[in-house]
């Protein structure tokens, strides 16, 4: 499944990184600790978080994350969006809580 499919099926907002919407999604990862994501997320994961600062892009790039989804209506700051465009890693958003989004994403990826 591609990031664009997840965006459409879960009605997510695209904030930036639109050139990466064709990235293939292998799985998902939920964490707000950057060190946890660096140590445990895998290439092709969609990362669900409430972190919005530019360091999320450094971690996403390092781990080759397919996309980042921000929860609770949060939005990335300008520096984060600029880095997203450079790396072509989409940042998406939703008003859902992480628990709800994770459940829906799990069901979508495993159906």
N, C-alpha and C. Protein backbone atom coordinates (compact mmCIF):
# COMPACT_ATOMS: atom_id res chain seq x y z
N UNK A 1 0.84 -1.17 0.00
CA UNK A 1 0.00 0.00 0.00
C UNK A 1 0.89 1.24 0.00
N UNK A 2 0.44 2.27 -0.65
CA UNK A 2 1.21 3.52 -0.73
C UNK A 2 0.68 4.55 0.27
N UNK A 3 1.50 5.54 0.58
CA UNK A 3 1.11 6.62 1.48
C UNK A 3 -0.16 7.31 0.98
N UNK A 4 -0.26 7.53 -0.33
CA UNK A 4 -1.44 8.21 -0.88
C UNK A 4 -2.71 7.42 -0.62
N UNK A 5 -2.63 6.09 -0.62
CA UNK A 5 -3.79 5.25 -0.32
C UNK A 5 -4.23 5.43 1.13
N UNK A 6 -3.26 5.45 2.03
CA UNK A 6 -3.56 5.64 3.45
C UNK A 6 -4.16 7.02 3.68
N UNK A 7 -3.58 8.02 3.03
CA UNK A 7 -4.10 9.38 3.15
C UNK A 7 -5.57 9.43 2.77
N UNK A 8 -5.89 8.82 1.64
CA UNK A 8 -7.26 8.84 1.14
C UNK A 8 -8.21 8.04 2.03
N UNK A 9 -7.82 6.82 2.39
CA UNK A 9 -8.71 5.92 3.13
C UNK A 9 -8.93 6.35 4.57
N UNK A 10 -7.97 7.06 5.15
CA UNK A 10 -8.11 7.51 6.54
C UNK A 10 -8.45 9.00 6.62
N UNK A 11 -8.67 9.61 5.45
CA UNK A 11 -9.06 11.03 5.38
C UNK A 11 -8.06 11.92 6.12
N UNK A 12 -6.78 11.77 5.79
CA UNK A 12 -5.72 12.54 6.44
C UNK A 12 -5.42 13.81 5.66
N UNK A 13 -4.92 14.79 6.36
CA UNK A 13 -4.50 16.06 5.76
C UNK A 13 -3.03 15.97 5.38
N UNK A 14 -2.69 16.39 4.18
CA UNK A 14 -1.29 16.47 3.77
C UNK A 14 -0.76 17.86 4.10
N UNK A 15 0.25 17.92 4.96
CA UNK A 15 0.87 19.20 5.30
C UNK A 15 2.03 19.52 4.36
N UNK A 16 2.82 18.52 4.01
CA UNK A 16 4.01 18.74 3.20
C UNK A 16 4.59 17.40 2.76
N UNK A 17 5.57 17.46 1.88
CA UNK A 17 6.23 16.25 1.41
C UNK A 17 5.42 15.48 0.38
N UNK A 18 4.61 16.20 -0.38
CA UNK A 18 3.72 15.57 -1.35
C UNK A 18 4.42 14.73 -2.41
N UNK A 19 5.69 15.02 -2.68
CA UNK A 19 6.42 14.22 -3.68
C UNK A 19 6.69 12.80 -3.19
N UNK A 20 6.46 12.55 -1.91
CA UNK A 20 6.69 11.22 -1.36
C UNK A 20 5.42 10.40 -1.18
N UNK A 21 4.31 10.86 -1.73
CA UNK A 21 3.05 10.15 -1.55
C UNK A 21 3.02 8.76 -2.19
N UNK A 22 3.93 8.48 -3.09
CA UNK A 22 3.99 7.16 -3.72
C UNK A 22 4.90 6.20 -2.96
N UNK A 23 5.41 6.62 -1.81
CA UNK A 23 6.26 5.72 -1.01
C UNK A 23 5.43 4.52 -0.57
N UNK A 24 6.05 3.36 -0.55
CA UNK A 24 5.37 2.13 -0.14
C UNK A 24 5.43 1.99 1.37
N UNK A 25 4.29 1.67 1.96
CA UNK A 25 4.17 1.49 3.41
C UNK A 25 4.21 0.00 3.71
N UNK A 26 5.12 -0.38 4.60
CA UNK A 26 5.26 -1.77 5.01
C UNK A 26 4.52 -2.06 6.32
N UNK A 27 4.53 -1.08 7.24
CA UNK A 27 3.97 -1.29 8.57
C UNK A 27 3.82 0.07 9.25
N UNK A 28 3.46 0.07 10.51
CA UNK A 28 3.33 1.30 11.26
C UNK A 28 4.12 1.23 12.55
N UNK A 29 4.41 2.41 13.10
CA UNK A 29 5.10 2.50 14.38
C UNK A 29 4.55 3.69 15.14
N UNK A 30 4.28 3.50 16.43
CA UNK A 30 3.72 4.56 17.26
C UNK A 30 4.68 4.84 18.40
N UNK A 31 5.17 6.07 18.48
CA UNK A 31 6.03 6.47 19.59
C UNK A 31 6.25 7.98 19.54
N UNK A 32 6.44 8.56 20.71
CA UNK A 32 6.77 9.97 20.80
C UNK A 32 8.22 10.18 21.27
N UNK A 33 8.92 9.09 21.51
CA UNK A 33 10.33 9.17 21.90
C UNK A 33 11.21 8.98 20.67
N UNK A 34 11.98 9.99 20.33
CA UNK A 34 12.83 9.91 19.14
C UNK A 34 13.82 8.76 19.24
N UNK A 35 14.39 8.54 20.41
CA UNK A 35 15.36 7.46 20.57
C UNK A 35 14.71 6.10 20.38
N UNK A 36 13.45 5.96 20.77
CA UNK A 36 12.73 4.71 20.57
C UNK A 36 12.51 4.45 19.08
N UNK A 37 12.12 5.48 18.35
CA UNK A 37 11.90 5.34 16.91
C UNK A 37 13.23 5.01 16.22
N UNK A 38 14.30 5.69 16.62
CA UNK A 38 15.61 5.41 16.01
C UNK A 38 16.03 3.97 16.26
N UNK A 39 15.71 3.44 17.41
CA UNK A 39 16.14 2.09 17.74
C UNK A 39 15.23 0.99 17.25
N UNK A 40 13.96 1.31 16.97
CA UNK A 40 13.00 0.23 16.73
C UNK A 40 12.14 0.34 15.48
N UNK A 41 11.97 1.51 14.91
CA UNK A 41 11.16 1.64 13.70
C UNK A 41 11.93 1.04 12.52
N UNK A 42 11.19 0.64 11.52
CA UNK A 42 11.81 0.02 10.34
C UNK A 42 11.57 0.85 9.09
N UNK A 43 12.41 0.62 8.11
CA UNK A 43 12.24 1.25 6.80
C UNK A 43 10.84 0.93 6.28
N UNK A 44 10.16 1.94 5.76
CA UNK A 44 8.84 1.75 5.20
C UNK A 44 7.70 1.87 6.20
N UNK A 45 8.02 2.09 7.48
CA UNK A 45 6.97 2.30 8.47
C UNK A 45 6.31 3.66 8.30
N UNK A 46 5.06 3.74 8.70
CA UNK A 46 4.39 5.02 8.90
C UNK A 46 4.50 5.30 10.39
N UNK A 47 5.02 6.47 10.74
CA UNK A 47 5.27 6.82 12.13
C UNK A 47 4.14 7.71 12.63
N UNK A 48 3.46 7.26 13.67
CA UNK A 48 2.40 8.03 14.32
C UNK A 48 2.99 8.69 15.56
N UNK A 49 2.84 10.02 15.65
CA UNK A 49 3.43 10.76 16.78
C UNK A 49 2.68 12.07 17.03
N UNK A 50 2.98 12.68 18.18
CA UNK A 50 2.49 14.02 18.44
C UNK A 50 3.62 15.04 18.41
N UNK A 51 4.83 14.58 18.13
CA UNK A 51 5.97 15.49 18.00
C UNK A 51 5.88 16.26 16.69
N UNK A 52 6.18 17.55 16.72
CA UNK A 52 6.03 18.38 15.52
C UNK A 52 7.31 19.12 15.14
N UNK A 53 8.36 19.03 15.91
CA UNK A 53 9.59 19.80 15.68
C UNK A 53 10.45 19.15 14.60
N UNK A 54 11.47 19.87 14.15
CA UNK A 54 12.27 19.42 13.01
C UNK A 54 13.05 18.14 13.26
N UNK A 55 13.29 17.78 14.49
CA UNK A 55 14.05 16.56 14.77
C UNK A 55 13.31 15.30 14.31
N UNK A 56 12.00 15.36 14.17
CA UNK A 56 11.28 14.18 13.67
C UNK A 56 11.70 13.87 12.24
N UNK A 57 12.04 14.89 11.49
CA UNK A 57 12.46 14.67 10.10
C UNK A 57 13.85 14.04 10.05
N UNK A 58 14.71 14.41 10.98
CA UNK A 58 16.05 13.79 11.02
C UNK A 58 15.92 12.30 11.29
N UNK A 59 15.05 11.93 12.21
CA UNK A 59 14.85 10.52 12.55
C UNK A 59 14.17 9.80 11.38
N UNK A 60 13.16 10.42 10.80
CA UNK A 60 12.44 9.81 9.67
C UNK A 60 13.37 9.57 8.50
N UNK A 61 14.26 10.49 8.23
CA UNK A 61 15.21 10.35 7.15
C UNK A 61 16.22 9.25 7.44
N UNK A 62 16.73 9.22 8.66
CA UNK A 62 17.69 8.21 9.08
C UNK A 62 17.12 6.80 8.94
N UNK A 63 15.85 6.63 9.32
CA UNK A 63 15.22 5.31 9.31
C UNK A 63 14.47 5.02 8.00
N UNK A 64 14.46 5.96 7.08
CA UNK A 64 13.73 5.84 5.82
C UNK A 64 12.25 5.52 6.06
N UNK A 65 11.66 6.31 6.94
CA UNK A 65 10.24 6.21 7.27
C UNK A 65 9.44 6.62 6.04
N UNK A 66 8.34 5.91 5.77
CA UNK A 66 7.52 6.21 4.59
C UNK A 66 6.76 7.52 4.74
N UNK A 67 6.27 7.79 5.95
CA UNK A 67 5.51 9.02 6.22
C UNK A 67 5.36 9.18 7.73
N UNK A 68 5.05 10.40 8.12
CA UNK A 68 4.77 10.72 9.52
C UNK A 68 3.32 11.17 9.59
N UNK A 69 2.60 10.68 10.59
CA UNK A 69 1.23 11.15 10.80
C UNK A 69 1.17 11.79 12.18
N UNK A 70 0.79 13.07 12.20
CA UNK A 70 0.61 13.81 13.44
C UNK A 70 -0.84 13.65 13.90
N UNK A 71 -1.02 13.42 15.19
CA UNK A 71 -2.35 13.19 15.76
C UNK A 71 -2.85 14.41 16.53
N UNK A 72 -4.09 14.34 17.00
CA UNK A 72 -4.69 15.34 17.89
C UNK A 72 -4.79 16.73 17.28
N UNK A 73 -4.80 16.82 15.95
CA UNK A 73 -4.91 18.12 15.29
C UNK A 73 -3.64 18.94 15.29
N UNK A 74 -2.53 18.33 15.64
CA UNK A 74 -1.25 19.05 15.67
C UNK A 74 -0.73 19.30 14.26
N UNK A 75 0.07 20.35 14.13
CA UNK A 75 0.62 20.74 12.83
C UNK A 75 2.13 20.93 12.94
N UNK A 76 2.86 20.59 11.89
CA UNK A 76 4.32 20.75 11.92
C UNK A 76 4.71 22.23 11.84
N UNK A 77 5.87 22.55 12.41
CA UNK A 77 6.36 23.93 12.30
C UNK A 77 7.02 24.13 10.94
N UNK A 78 7.36 25.36 10.63
CA UNK A 78 7.89 25.72 9.30
C UNK A 78 9.18 24.97 8.97
N UNK A 79 10.10 24.86 9.93
CA UNK A 79 11.36 24.17 9.68
C UNK A 79 11.13 22.70 9.38
N UNK A 80 10.20 22.11 10.08
CA UNK A 80 9.87 20.70 9.86
C UNK A 80 9.28 20.51 8.47
N UNK A 81 8.41 21.40 8.07
CA UNK A 81 7.80 21.29 6.74
C UNK A 81 8.84 21.46 5.64
N UNK A 82 9.77 22.37 5.82
CA UNK A 82 10.82 22.57 4.82
C UNK A 82 11.68 21.31 4.68
N UNK A 83 12.02 20.70 5.81
CA UNK A 83 12.82 19.48 5.79
C UNK A 83 12.04 18.33 5.14
N UNK A 84 10.75 18.27 5.39
CA UNK A 84 9.89 17.26 4.79
C UNK A 84 9.91 17.36 3.27
N UNK A 85 9.84 18.57 2.77
CA UNK A 85 9.87 18.79 1.32
C UNK A 85 11.22 18.34 0.74
N UNK A 86 12.31 18.67 1.43
CA UNK A 86 13.64 18.27 0.97
C UNK A 86 13.81 16.76 0.92
N UNK A 87 13.33 16.08 1.95
CA UNK A 87 13.50 14.63 2.06
C UNK A 87 12.41 13.85 1.31
N UNK A 88 11.38 14.55 0.88
CA UNK A 88 10.23 13.91 0.21
C UNK A 88 9.60 12.83 1.08
N UNK A 89 9.50 13.15 2.37
CA UNK A 89 8.81 12.29 3.33
C UNK A 89 7.56 13.03 3.76
N UNK A 90 6.39 12.54 3.39
CA UNK A 90 5.15 13.25 3.71
C UNK A 90 4.89 13.34 5.21
N UNK A 91 4.36 14.50 5.60
CA UNK A 91 3.82 14.66 6.94
C UNK A 91 2.32 14.87 6.76
N UNK A 92 1.57 13.97 7.39
CA UNK A 92 0.12 13.99 7.32
C UNK A 92 -0.42 14.31 8.70
N UNK A 93 -1.71 14.63 8.77
CA UNK A 93 -2.29 14.94 10.06
C UNK A 93 -3.72 14.48 10.18
N UNK A 94 -4.15 14.35 11.44
CA UNK A 94 -5.51 13.97 11.77
C UNK A 94 -5.88 14.53 13.13
N UNK A 95 -7.17 14.62 13.39
CA UNK A 95 -7.64 15.03 14.72
C UNK A 95 -7.81 13.82 15.63
N UNK A 96 -7.66 12.62 15.09
CA UNK A 96 -7.79 11.41 15.90
C UNK A 96 -6.68 11.32 16.95
N UNK A 97 -6.97 10.59 18.01
CA UNK A 97 -5.95 10.24 19.00
C UNK A 97 -5.07 9.14 18.40
N UNK A 98 -3.87 8.98 18.91
CA UNK A 98 -2.94 7.97 18.40
C UNK A 98 -3.53 6.57 18.48
N UNK A 99 -4.22 6.25 19.56
CA UNK A 99 -4.80 4.93 19.74
C UNK A 99 -5.80 4.60 18.64
N UNK A 100 -6.69 5.54 18.37
CA UNK A 100 -7.71 5.33 17.33
C UNK A 100 -7.06 5.19 15.94
N UNK A 101 -6.13 6.09 15.63
CA UNK A 101 -5.46 6.04 14.34
C UNK A 101 -4.66 4.75 14.17
N UNK A 102 -3.96 4.34 15.21
CA UNK A 102 -3.17 3.11 15.13
C UNK A 102 -4.07 1.91 14.82
N UNK A 103 -5.22 1.85 15.45
CA UNK A 103 -6.14 0.76 15.20
C UNK A 103 -6.64 0.75 13.76
N UNK A 104 -7.00 1.92 13.26
CA UNK A 104 -7.48 2.01 11.89
C UNK A 104 -6.37 1.69 10.88
N UNK A 105 -5.16 2.17 11.14
CA UNK A 105 -4.05 1.89 10.25
C UNK A 105 -3.71 0.40 10.27
N UNK A 106 -3.72 -0.22 11.44
CA UNK A 106 -3.45 -1.65 11.54
C UNK A 106 -4.46 -2.44 10.70
N UNK A 107 -5.72 -2.11 10.87
CA UNK A 107 -6.78 -2.80 10.12
C UNK A 107 -6.60 -2.62 8.62
N UNK A 108 -6.28 -1.41 8.22
CA UNK A 108 -6.09 -1.10 6.81
C UNK A 108 -4.91 -1.88 6.20
N UNK A 109 -3.81 -1.93 6.92
CA UNK A 109 -2.61 -2.59 6.43
C UNK A 109 -2.71 -4.12 6.46
N UNK A 110 -3.61 -4.62 7.28
CA UNK A 110 -3.73 -6.07 7.42
C UNK A 110 -5.03 -6.64 6.87
N UNK A 111 -5.68 -5.88 6.01
CA UNK A 111 -6.93 -6.40 5.43
C UNK A 111 -6.71 -6.96 4.04
